Amino acid sequence: MRRGLLFALIAFSAPANAACPVGTVITVDNDTPASGYSEEKPANWVSHSVEACLGTYRYLSQYVGDGSRKGKAIWQPKIAVSGNYE
């Protein structure tokens, strides 16, 4: 299993003609460009590889950026259809 900053939504009910049918998985991951993951104050974050999981993890550090250890990780999935999601 791949580990890292990952957020996934699975559609469980949507109209029959919906562009996001039941079973569709929407993944937001720090290792997937343009997936919806972003960071506030990215210079304050450090990335480390998790080779066994083929990914990275990120954390705020006092040794990089402005040294404040302040920032936000933002998961903003691209959902084109309104509805109920798990």
PDB file of N, CA and C in Angstrom:
ATOM      1  N   MET A   1       0.841  -1.182   0.000  1.00  0.00           N
ATOM      2  CA  MET A   1       0.000   0.000   0.000  1.00  0.00           C
ATOM      3  C   MET A   1       0.875   1.230   0.000  1.00  0.00           C
ATOM      4  N   ARG A   2       0.538   2.190  -0.792  1.00  0.00           N
ATOM      5  CA  ARG A   2       1.284   3.435  -0.887  1.00  0.00           C
ATOM      6  C   ARG A   2       0.885   4.339   0.261  1.00  0.00           C
ATOM      7  N   ARG A   3       1.859   4.923   0.930  1.00  0.00           N
ATOM      8  CA  ARG A   3       1.575   5.825   2.034  1.00  0.00           C
ATOM      9  C   ARG A   3       2.062   7.207   1.676  1.00  0.00           C
ATOM     10  N   GLY A   4       1.625   8.188   2.380  1.00  0.00           N
ATOM     11  CA  GLY A   4       1.955   9.581   2.136  1.00  0.00           C
ATOM     12  C   GLY A   4       0.716  10.393   2.425  1.00  0.00           C
ATOM     13  N   LEU A   5       0.701  11.617   2.001  1.00  0.00           N
ATOM     14  CA  LEU A   5      -0.471  12.445   2.201  1.00  0.00           C
ATOM     15  C   LEU A   5      -1.462  12.090   1.105  1.00  0.00           C
ATOM     16  N   LEU A   6      -2.528  11.446   1.490  1.00  0.00           N
ATOM     17  CA  LEU A   6      -3.479  10.945   0.511  1.00  0.00           C
ATOM     18  C   LEU A   6      -4.883  11.180   1.021  1.00  0.00           C
ATOM     19  N   PHE A   7      -5.735  11.610   0.128  1.00  0.00           N
ATOM     20  CA  PHE A   7      -7.134  11.835   0.451  1.00  0.00           C
ATOM     21  C   PHE A   7      -7.918  11.302  -0.723  1.00  0.00           C
ATOM     22  N   ALA A   8      -8.877  10.432  -0.496  1.00  0.00           N
ATOM     23  CA  ALA A   8      -9.658   9.879  -1.597  1.00  0.00           C
ATOM     24  C   ALA A   8     -11.139   9.959  -1.275  1.00  0.00           C
ATOM     25  N   LEU A   9     -11.934  10.251  -2.285  1.00  0.00           N
ATOM     26  CA  LEU A   9     -13.388  10.267  -2.165  1.00  0.00           C
ATOM     27  C   LEU A   9     -13.935   9.183  -3.068  1.00  0.00           C
ATOM     28  N   ILE A  10     -14.916   8.469  -2.595  1.00  0.00           N
ATOM     29  CA  ILE A  10     -15.561   7.451  -3.408  1.00  0.00           C
ATOM     30  C   ILE A  10     -17.035   7.814  -3.521  1.00  0.00           C
ATOM     31  N   ALA A  11     -17.512   7.939  -4.742  1.00  0.00           N
ATOM     32  CA  ALA A  11     -18.917   8.277  -4.962  1.00  0.00           C
ATOM     33  C   ALA A  11     -19.778   7.085  -4.575  1.00  0.00           C
ATOM     34  N   PHE A  12     -20.826   7.301  -3.766  1.00  0.00           N
ATOM     35  CA  PHE A  12     -21.696   6.181  -3.443  1.00  0.00           C
ATOM     36  C   PHE A  12     -23.124   6.392  -3.895  1.00  0.00           C
ATOM     37  N   SER A  13     -23.504   7.613  -4.219  1.00  0.00           N
ATOM     38  CA  SER A  13     -24.812   7.811  -4.842  1.00  0.00           C
ATOM     39  C   SER A  13     -24.765   9.057  -5.697  1.00  0.00           C
ATOM     40  N   ALA A  14     -25.219   8.900  -6.905  1.00  0.00           N
ATOM     41  CA  ALA A  14     -25.266  10.015  -7.847  1.00  0.00           C
ATOM     42  C   ALA A  14     -26.334   9.672  -8.878  1.00  0.00           C
ATOM     43  N   PRO A  15     -26.886  10.674  -9.529  1.00  0.00           N
ATOM     44  CA  PRO A  15     -27.883  10.395 -10.558  1.00  0.00           C
ATOM     45  C   PRO A  15     -27.317   9.461 -11.631  1.00  0.00           C
ATOM     46  N   ALA A  16     -28.175   8.689 -12.284  1.00  0.00           N
ATOM     47  CA  ALA A  16     -27.748   7.709 -13.276  1.00  0.00           C
ATOM     48  C   ALA A  16     -26.961   8.343 -14.415  1.00  0.00           C
ATOM     49  N   ASN A  17     -27.240   9.591 -14.749  1.00  0.00           N
ATOM     50  CA  ASN A  17     -26.546  10.248 -15.850  1.00  0.00           C
ATOM     51  C   ASN A  17     -25.356  11.083 -15.384  1.00  0.00           C
ATOM     52  N   ALA A  18     -24.937  10.923 -14.155  1.00  0.00           N
ATOM     53  CA  ALA A  18     -23.859  11.728 -13.574  1.00  0.00           C
ATOM     54  C   ALA A  18     -22.522  11.411 -14.233  1.00  0.00           C
ATOM     55  N   ALA A  19     -21.660  12.425 -14.277  1.00  0.00           N
ATOM     56  CA  ALA A  19     -20.319  12.259 -14.837  1.00  0.00           C
ATOM     57  C   ALA A  19     -19.398  11.542 -13.869  1.00  0.00           C
ATOM     58  N   CYS A  20     -19.840  11.334 -12.644  1.00  0.00           N
ATOM     59  CA  CYS A  20     -19.034  10.675 -11.619  1.00  0.00           C
ATOM     60  C   CYS A  20     -19.840   9.486 -11.088  1.00  0.00           C
ATOM     61  N   PRO A  21     -19.876   8.378 -11.823  1.00  0.00           N
ATOM     62  CA  PRO A  21     -20.715   7.255 -11.420  1.00  0.00           C
ATOM     63  C   PRO A  21     -20.237   6.557 -10.146  1.00  0.00           C
ATOM     64  N   VAL A  22     -21.130   5.780  -9.577  1.00  0.00           N
ATOM     65  CA  VAL A  22     -20.829   5.019  -8.361  1.00  0.00           C
ATOM     66  C   VAL A  22     -19.566   4.208  -8.577  1.00  0.00           C
ATOM     67  N   GLY A  23     -18.682   4.232  -7.596  1.00  0.00           N
ATOM     68  CA  GLY A  23     -17.434   3.481  -7.675  1.00  0.00           C
ATOM     69  C   GLY A  23     -16.252   4.292  -8.168  1.00  0.00           C
ATOM     70  N   THR A  24     -16.483   5.505  -8.658  1.00  0.00           N
ATOM     71  CA  THR A  24     -15.390   6.351  -9.116  1.00  0.00           C
ATOM     72  C   THR A  24     -14.568   6.801  -7.908  1.00  0.00           C
ATOM     73  N   VAL A  25     -13.256   6.720  -8.004  1.00  0.00           N
ATOM     74  CA  VAL A  25     -12.370   7.147  -6.931  1.00  0.00           C
ATOM     75  C   VAL A  25     -11.675   8.430  -7.360  1.00  0.00           C
ATOM     76  N   ILE A  26     -11.742   9.442  -6.518  1.00  0.00           N
ATOM     77  CA  ILE A  26     -11.071  10.717  -6.760  1.00  0.00           C
ATOM     78  C   ILE A  26      -9.958  10.809  -5.728  1.00  0.00           C
ATOM     79  N   THR A  27      -8.718  10.832  -6.184  1.00  0.00           N
ATOM     80  CA  THR A  27      -7.569  10.809  -5.281  1.00  0.00           C
ATOM     81  C   THR A  27      -6.877  12.167  -5.260  1.00  0.00           C
ATOM     82  N   VAL A  28      -6.579  12.655  -4.076  1.00  0.00           N
ATOM     83  CA  VAL A  28      -5.790  13.868  -3.883  1.00  0.00           C
ATOM     84  C   VAL A  28      -4.548  13.439  -3.117  1.00  0.00           C
ATOM     85  N   ASP A  29      -3.375  13.596  -3.740  1.00  0.00           N
ATOM     86  CA  ASP A  29      -2.138  13.034  -3.181  1.00  0.00           C
ATOM     87  C   ASP A  29      -0.986  14.001  -3.418  1.00  0.00           C
ATOM     88  N   ASN A  30      -0.142  14.179  -2.428  1.00  0.00           N
ATOM     89  CA  ASN A  30       0.995  15.080  -2.580  1.00  0.00           C
ATOM     90  C   ASN A  30       1.983  14.601  -3.646  1.00  0.00           C
ATOM     91  N   ASP A  31       1.959  13.334  -4.003  1.00  0.00           N
ATOM     92  CA  ASP A  31       2.866  12.799  -5.014  1.00  0.00           C
ATOM     93  C   ASP A  31       2.265  12.797  -6.418  1.00  0.00           C
ATOM     94  N   THR A  32       1.048  13.297  -6.575  1.00  0.00           N
ATOM     95  CA  THR A  32       0.378  13.327  -7.878  1.00  0.00           C
ATOM     96  C   THR A  32       0.145  14.781  -8.279  1.00  0.00           C
ATOM     97  N   PRO A  33       0.938  15.303  -9.212  1.00  0.00           N
ATOM     98  CA  PRO A  33       0.772  16.700  -9.635  1.00  0.00           C
ATOM     99  C   PRO A  33      -0.647  16.991 -10.122  1.00  0.00           C
ATOM    100  N   ALA A  34      -1.146  18.152  -9.781  1.00  0.00           N
ATOM    101  CA  ALA A  34      -2.461  18.650 -10.205  1.00  0.00           C
ATOM    102  C   ALA A  34      -3.618  17.794  -9.700  1.00  0.00           C
ATOM    103  N   SER A  35      -3.404  17.036  -8.616  1.00  0.00           N
ATOM    104  CA  SER A  35      -4.486  16.193  -8.078  1.00  0.00           C
ATOM    105  C   SER A  35      -5.381  16.943  -7.101  1.00  0.00           C
ATOM    106  N   GLY A  36      -4.976  18.155  -6.702  1.00  0.00           N
ATOM    107  CA  GLY A  36      -5.766  18.935  -5.760  1.00  0.00           C
ATOM    108  C   GLY A  36      -5.068  19.161  -4.432  1.00  0.00           C
ATOM    109  N   TYR A  37      -3.852  18.602  -4.273  1.00  0.00           N
ATOM    110  CA  TYR A  37      -3.085  18.812  -3.041  1.00  0.00           C
ATOM    111  C   TYR A  37      -2.228  20.062  -3.207  1.00  0.00           C
ATOM    112  N   SER A  38      -2.222  20.918  -2.187  1.00  0.00           N
ATOM    113  CA  SER A  38      -1.345  22.090  -2.192  1.00  0.00           C
ATOM    114  C   SER A  38      -0.947  22.418  -0.765  1.00  0.00           C
ATOM    115  N   GLU A  39       0.008  23.309  -0.645  1.00  0.00           N
ATOM    116  CA  GLU A  39       0.499  23.712   0.677  1.00  0.00           C
ATOM    117  C   GLU A  39       0.562  25.225   0.780  1.00  0.00           C
ATOM    118  N   GLU A  40       0.222  25.716   1.951  1.00  0.00           N
ATOM    119  CA  GLU A  40       0.428  27.122   2.273  1.00  0.00           C
ATOM    120  C   GLU A  40       1.831  27.203   2.861  1.00  0.00           C
ATOM    121  N   LYS A  41       2.609  28.166   2.448  1.00  0.00           N
ATOM    122  CA  LYS A  41       4.004  28.317   2.856  1.00  0.00           C
ATOM    123  C   LYS A  41       4.823  27.074   2.496  1.00  0.00           C
ATOM    124  N   PRO A  42       4.875  26.699   1.213  1.00  0.00           N
ATOM    125  CA  PRO A  42       5.565  25.469   0.824  1.00  0.00           C
ATOM    126  C   PRO A  42       7.050  25.439   1.179  1.00  0.00           C
ATOM    127  N   ALA A  43       7.682  26.590   1.339  1.00  0.00           N
ATOM    128  CA  ALA A  43       9.103  26.605   1.708  1.00  0.00           C
ATOM    129  C   ALA A  43       9.335  26.069   3.116  1.00  0.00           C
ATOM    130  N   ASN A  44       8.295  26.023   3.945  1.00  0.00           N
ATOM    131  CA  ASN A  44       8.423  25.543   5.327  1.00  0.00           C
ATOM    132  C   ASN A  44       8.263  24.029   5.439  1.00  0.00           C
ATOM    133  N   TRP A  45       8.009  23.350   4.329  1.00  0.00           N
ATOM    134  CA  TRP A  45       7.767  21.914   4.345  1.00  0.00           C
ATOM    135  C   TRP A  45       8.998  21.134   3.889  1.00  0.00           C
ATOM    136  N   VAL A  46       9.181  19.956   4.469  1.00  0.00           N
ATOM    137  CA  VAL A  46      10.262  19.049   4.093  1.00  0.00           C
ATOM    138  C   VAL A  46       9.618  17.755   3.608  1.00  0.00           C
ATOM    139  N   SER A  47      10.220  17.147   2.598  1.00  0.00           N
ATOM    140  CA  SER A  47       9.708  15.907   2.030  1.00  0.00           C
ATOM    141  C   SER A  47      10.717  14.790   2.255  1.00  0.00           C
ATOM    142  N   HIS A  48      10.231  13.625   2.621  1.00  0.00           N
ATOM    143  CA  HIS A  48      11.079  12.441   2.772  1.00  0.00           C
ATOM    144  C   HIS A  48      10.468  11.287   2.010  1.00  0.00           C
ATOM    145  N   SER A  49      11.330  10.494   1.422  1.00  0.00           N
ATOM    146  CA  SER A  49      10.884   9.344   0.637  1.00  0.00           C
ATOM    147  C   SER A  49      10.513   8.182   1.547  1.00  0.00           C
ATOM    148  N   VAL A  50       9.469   7.474   1.152  1.00  0.00           N
ATOM    149  CA  VAL A  50       9.071   6.234   1.811  1.00  0.00           C
ATOM    150  C   VAL A  50       9.166   5.175   0.710  1.00  0.00           C
ATOM    151  N   GLU A  51      10.381   4.672   0.506  1.00  0.00           N
ATOM    152  CA  GLU A  51      10.632   3.774  -0.620  1.00  0.00           C
ATOM    153  C   GLU A  51       9.744   2.540  -0.609  1.00  0.00           C
ATOM    154  N   ALA A  52       9.476   1.992   0.550  1.00  0.00           N
ATOM    155  CA  ALA A  52       8.654   0.779   0.620  1.00  0.00           C
ATOM    156  C   ALA A  52       7.237   1.030   0.123  1.00  0.00           C
ATOM    157  N   CYS A  53       6.794   2.282   0.179  1.00  0.00           N
ATOM    158  CA  CYS A  53       5.427   2.616  -0.230  1.00  0.00           C
ATOM    159  C   CYS A  53       5.390   3.403  -1.533  1.00  0.00           C
ATOM    160  N   LEU A  54       6.548   3.601  -2.150  1.00  0.00           N
ATOM    161  CA  LEU A  54       6.636   4.326  -3.420  1.00  0.00           C
ATOM    162  C   LEU A  54       6.041   5.722  -3.346  1.00  0.00           C
ATOM    163  N   GLY A  55       6.335   6.441  -2.282  1.00  0.00           N
ATOM    164  CA  GLY A  55       5.809   7.790  -2.140  1.00  0.00           C
ATOM    165  C   GLY A  55       6.647   8.618  -1.191  1.00  0.00           C
ATOM    166  N   THR A  56       6.105   9.753  -0.777  1.00  0.00           N
ATOM    167  CA  THR A  56       6.788  10.637   0.164  1.00  0.00           C
ATOM    168  C   THR A  56       5.825  11.055   1.268  1.00  0.00           C
ATOM    169  N   TYR A  57       6.394  11.561   2.329  1.00  0.00           N
ATOM    170  CA  TYR A  57       5.579  12.223   3.337  1.00  0.00           C
ATOM    171  C   TYR A  57       6.163  13.604   3.545  1.00  0.00           C
ATOM    172  N   ARG A  58       5.333  14.537   3.980  1.00  0.00           N
ATOM    173  CA  ARG A  58       5.732  15.927   4.139  1.00  0.00           C
ATOM    174  C   ARG A  58       5.473  16.367   5.575  1.00  0.00           C
ATOM    175  N   TYR A  59       6.333  17.236   6.092  1.00  0.00           N
ATOM    176  CA  TYR A  59       6.115  17.788   7.424  1.00  0.00           C
ATOM    177  C   TYR A  59       6.702  19.188   7.506  1.00  0.00           C
ATOM    178  N   LEU A  60       6.169  19.978   8.430  1.00  0.00           N
ATOM    179  CA  LEU A  60       6.667  21.330   8.658  1.00  0.00           C
ATOM    180  C   LEU A  60       7.940  21.253   9.487  1.00  0.00           C
ATOM    181  N   SER A  61       8.943  22.076   9.133  1.00  0.00           N
ATOM    182  CA  SER A  61      10.230  22.030   9.824  1.00  0.00           C
ATOM    183  C   SER A  61      10.674  23.430  10.224  1.00  0.00           C
ATOM    184  N   GLN A  62      11.294  23.520  11.366  1.00  0.00           N
ATOM    185  CA  GLN A  62      11.838  24.804  11.824  1.00  0.00           C
ATOM    186  C   GLN A  62      13.180  25.111  11.160  1.00  0.00           C
ATOM    187  N   TYR A  63      13.707  24.167  10.386  1.00  0.00           N
ATOM    188  CA  TYR A  63      15.026  24.335   9.786  1.00  0.00           C
ATOM    189  C   TYR A  63      14.998  24.780   8.328  1.00  0.00           C
ATOM    190  N   VAL A  64      13.821  24.969   7.762  1.00  0.00           N
ATOM    191  CA  VAL A  64      13.705  25.436   6.376  1.00  0.00           C
ATOM    192  C   VAL A  64      12.717  26.597   6.316  1.00  0.00           C
ATOM    193  N   GLY A  65      12.688  27.268   5.174  1.00  0.00           N
ATOM    194  CA  GLY A  65      11.741  28.372   4.995  1.00  0.00           C
ATOM    195  C   GLY A  65      11.992  29.489   5.981  1.00  0.00           C
ATOM    196  N   ASP A  66      10.922  30.011   6.579  1.00  0.00           N
ATOM    197  CA  ASP A  66      11.063  31.120   7.526  1.00  0.00           C
ATOM    198  C   ASP A  66      11.295  30.643   8.964  1.00  0.00           C
ATOM    199  N   GLY A  67      11.382  29.318   9.178  1.00  0.00           N
ATOM    200  CA  GLY A  67      11.668  28.771  10.502  1.00  0.00           C
ATOM    201  C   GLY A  67      10.498  28.769  11.465  1.00  0.00           C
ATOM    202  N   SER A  68       9.320  29.143  11.016  1.00  0.00           N
ATOM    203  CA  SER A  68       8.168  29.268  11.912  1.00  0.00           C
ATOM    204  C   SER A  68       7.406  27.961  12.129  1.00  0.00           C
ATOM    205  N   ARG A  69       7.663  26.944  11.293  1.00  0.00           N
ATOM    206  CA  ARG A  69       6.897  25.691  11.318  1.00  0.00           C
ATOM    207  C   ARG A  69       5.408  25.956  11.129  1.00  0.00           C
ATOM    208  N   LYS A  70       5.082  27.005  10.381  1.00  0.00           N
ATOM    209  CA  LYS A  70       3.682  27.318  10.103  1.00  0.00           C
ATOM    210  C   LYS A  70       3.392  27.079   8.635  1.00  0.00           C
ATOM    211  N   GLY A  71       2.214  26.548   8.373  1.00  0.00           N
ATOM    212  CA  GLY A  71       1.775  26.280   7.017  1.00  0.00           C
ATOM    213  C   GLY A  71       0.533  25.407   7.073  1.00  0.00           C
ATOM    214  N   LYS A  72      -0.041  25.147   5.922  1.00  0.00           N
ATOM    215  CA  LYS A  72      -1.231  24.295   5.851  1.00  0.00           C
ATOM    216  C   LYS A  72      -1.085  23.336   4.686  1.00  0.00           C
ATOM    217  N   ALA A  73      -1.569  22.124   4.895  1.00  0.00           N
ATOM    218  CA  ALA A  73      -1.735  21.176   3.804  1.00  0.00           C
ATOM    219  C   ALA A  73      -3.198  21.276   3.380  1.00  0.00           C
ATOM    220  N   ILE A  74      -3.432  21.387   2.087  1.00  0.00           N
ATOM    221  CA  ILE A  74      -4.786  21.588   1.582  1.00  0.00           C
ATOM    222  C   ILE A  74      -5.124  20.478   0.595  1.00  0.00           C
ATOM    223  N   TRP A  75      -6.214  19.765   0.876  1.00  0.00           N
ATOM    224  CA  TRP A  75      -6.724  18.727  -0.013  1.00  0.00           C
ATOM    225  C   TRP A  75      -8.013  19.276  -0.622  1.00  0.00           C
ATOM    226  N   GLN A  76      -7.994  19.562  -1.910  1.00  0.00           N
ATOM    227  CA  GLN A  76      -9.154  20.129  -2.584  1.00  0.00           C
ATOM    228  C   GLN A  76      -9.475  19.266  -3.804  1.00  0.00           C
ATOM    229  N   PRO A  77     -10.304  18.237  -3.600  1.00  0.00           N
ATOM    230  CA  PRO A  77     -10.625  17.344  -4.722  1.00  0.00           C
ATOM    231  C   PRO A  77     -11.390  18.066  -5.823  1.00  0.00           C
ATOM    232  N   LYS A  78     -11.181  17.611  -7.042  1.00  0.00           N
ATOM    233  CA  LYS A  78     -11.887  18.176  -8.193  1.00  0.00           C
ATOM    234  C   LYS A  78     -13.127  17.346  -8.448  1.00  0.00           C
ATOM    235  N   ILE A  79     -14.239  17.816  -7.931  1.00  0.00           N
ATOM    236  CA  ILE A  79     -15.504  17.092  -8.044  1.00  0.00           C
ATOM    237  C   ILE A  79     -16.401  17.888  -8.971  1.00  0.00           C
ATOM    238  N   ALA A  80     -16.747  17.272 -10.094  1.00  0.00           N
ATOM    239  CA  ALA A  80     -17.525  17.966 -11.120  1.00  0.00           C
ATOM    240  C   ALA A  80     -19.032  17.834 -10.908  1.00  0.00           C
ATOM    241  N   VAL A  81     -19.449  16.867 -10.093  1.00  0.00           N
ATOM    242  CA  VAL A  81     -20.862  16.586  -9.925  1.00  0.00           C
ATOM    243  C   VAL A  81     -21.235  16.703  -8.453  1.00  0.00           C
ATOM    244  N   SER A  82     -22.276  17.472  -8.164  1.00  0.00           N
ATOM    245  CA  SER A  82     -22.719  17.544  -6.780  1.00  0.00           C
ATOM    246  C   SER A  82     -23.437  16.247  -6.425  1.00  0.00           C
ATOM    247  N   GLY A  83     -23.356  15.858  -5.173  1.00  0.00           N
ATOM    248  CA  GLY A  83     -24.002  14.623  -4.737  1.00  0.00           C
ATOM    249  C   GLY A  83     -23.466  14.203  -3.386  1.00  0.00           C
ATOM    250  N   ASN A  84     -23.760  12.990  -2.990  1.00  0.00           N
ATOM    251  CA  ASN A  84     -23.285  12.443  -1.730  1.00  0.00           C
ATOM    252  C   ASN A  84     -22.036  11.617  -1.976  1.00  0.00           C
ATOM    253  N   TYR A  85     -21.017  11.843  -1.162  1.00  0.00           N
ATOM    254  CA  TYR A  85     -19.746  11.145  -1.319  1.00  0.00           C
ATOM    255  C   TYR A  85     -19.318  10.564   0.015  1.00  0.00           C
ATOM    256  N   GLU A  86     -18.641   9.450  -0.040  1.00  0.00           N
ATOM    257  CA  GLU A  86     -18.152   8.764   1.168  1.00  0.00           C
ATOM    258  C   GLU A  86     -16.760   9.262   1.472  1.00  0.00           C
TER     259      GLU A  86
END
